[in-house]
């Protein structure tokens, strides 16, 4: 089963601000690991506290914060950023 991955406007903007090499690395990871995985929860970690219900994926020092929508086989990327910045705000 292939999952669809969509980007929230904020995540798309955050991705564009990153170094092109980092952008390529993140997009390649999403394409080759996340979207083709039978269960996207297997490669991620559920978040707690005020981000409960969201999932985080680790790509080096960068994090992808997402919402998994099982009914539509969709992973909605909400935030992308360096690990020291992505959880705030």
Protein backbone atom coordinates (compact mmCIF):
# COMPACT_ATOMS: atom_id res chain seq x y z
CA UNK A 1 0.00 0.00 0.00
CA UNK A 2 1.33 3.43 -0.92
CA UNK A 3 0.49 6.38 1.29
CA UNK A 4 -0.14 9.81 -0.19
CA UNK A 5 1.94 12.57 1.34
CA UNK A 6 0.70 16.16 1.25
CA UNK A 7 2.26 19.29 2.64
CA UNK A 8 0.49 21.96 4.67
CA UNK A 9 1.29 25.48 3.40
CA UNK A 10 3.42 26.15 6.48
CA UNK A 11 5.45 22.95 5.98
CA UNK A 12 5.97 23.75 2.31
CA UNK A 13 7.28 27.21 3.24
CA UNK A 14 9.58 25.78 5.94
CA UNK A 15 10.95 23.23 3.48
CA UNK A 16 11.72 25.92 0.89
CA UNK A 17 13.75 27.87 3.48
CA UNK A 18 16.11 24.94 4.08
CA UNK A 19 19.40 24.34 2.33
CA UNK A 20 18.78 22.63 -1.07
CA UNK A 21 20.83 19.58 -0.01
CA UNK A 22 18.67 19.16 3.11
CA UNK A 23 15.50 19.64 1.04
CA UNK A 24 16.59 16.87 -1.34
CA UNK A 25 17.48 14.57 1.55
CA UNK A 26 14.09 15.07 3.25
CA UNK A 27 12.10 14.66 0.03
CA UNK A 28 14.06 11.54 -0.90
CA UNK A 29 13.41 10.06 2.56
CA UNK A 30 9.68 10.80 2.26
CA UNK A 31 9.54 9.26 -1.21
CA UNK A 32 11.66 6.17 -0.50
CA UNK A 33 10.79 5.40 3.13
CA UNK A 34 7.61 7.03 4.34
CA UNK A 35 5.20 6.87 1.41
CA UNK A 36 5.99 3.24 0.52
CA UNK A 37 5.90 1.88 4.06
CA UNK A 38 2.94 -0.37 4.84
CA UNK A 39 2.54 1.27 8.26
CA UNK A 40 3.95 4.81 8.60
CA UNK A 41 3.79 4.45 12.39
CA UNK A 42 6.59 1.90 12.23
CA UNK A 43 9.19 4.47 11.14
CA UNK A 44 7.91 7.34 13.29
CA UNK A 45 7.20 8.19 16.88
CA UNK A 46 3.98 9.50 18.37
CA UNK A 47 4.18 12.86 20.08
CA UNK A 48 2.86 13.77 23.51
CA UNK A 49 1.60 16.84 25.32
CA UNK A 50 0.21 19.65 23.19
CA UNK A 51 1.24 17.76 20.03
CA UNK A 52 -0.61 14.58 20.96
CA UNK A 53 -2.07 12.83 17.94
CA UNK A 54 0.79 13.90 15.68
CA UNK A 55 3.76 11.83 14.54
CA UNK A 56 7.39 12.79 14.12
CA UNK A 57 9.88 11.39 11.67
CA UNK A 58 13.61 11.85 12.01
CA UNK A 59 15.85 12.64 9.05
CA UNK A 60 19.27 13.40 10.53
CA UNK A 61 18.97 16.55 12.65
CA UNK A 62 15.66 17.46 10.98
CA UNK A 63 12.15 16.50 11.97
CA UNK A 64 8.98 16.04 9.97
CA UNK A 65 5.82 16.55 12.05
CA UNK A 66 2.81 14.87 10.49
CA UNK A 67 -0.77 13.84 10.96
CA UNK A 68 -1.71 10.33 9.80
CA UNK A 69 -5.19 10.04 8.28
CA UNK A 70 -5.94 6.32 8.00
CA UNK A 71 -9.34 6.71 6.36
CA UNK A 72 -7.86 8.46 3.31
CA UNK A 73 -4.40 6.78 3.39
CA UNK A 74 -2.83 10.22 3.76
CA UNK A 75 0.11 11.63 5.66
CA UNK A 76 -0.27 15.38 6.09
CA UNK A 77 3.07 17.08 6.78
CA UNK A 78 2.45 19.96 9.18
CA UNK A 79 5.98 21.13 10.09
CA UNK A 80 9.53 20.55 8.86
CA UNK A 81 12.58 21.92 10.60
CA UNK A 82 15.70 21.45 12.64
CA UNK A 83 15.12 19.48 15.81
CA UNK A 84 15.86 22.49 18.04
CA UNK A 85 13.21 24.63 16.31
CA UNK A 86 10.41 22.38 15.11
CA UNK A 87 8.61 21.63 18.39
CA UNK A 88 8.05 25.22 19.51
CA UNK A 89 5.42 27.71 18.39
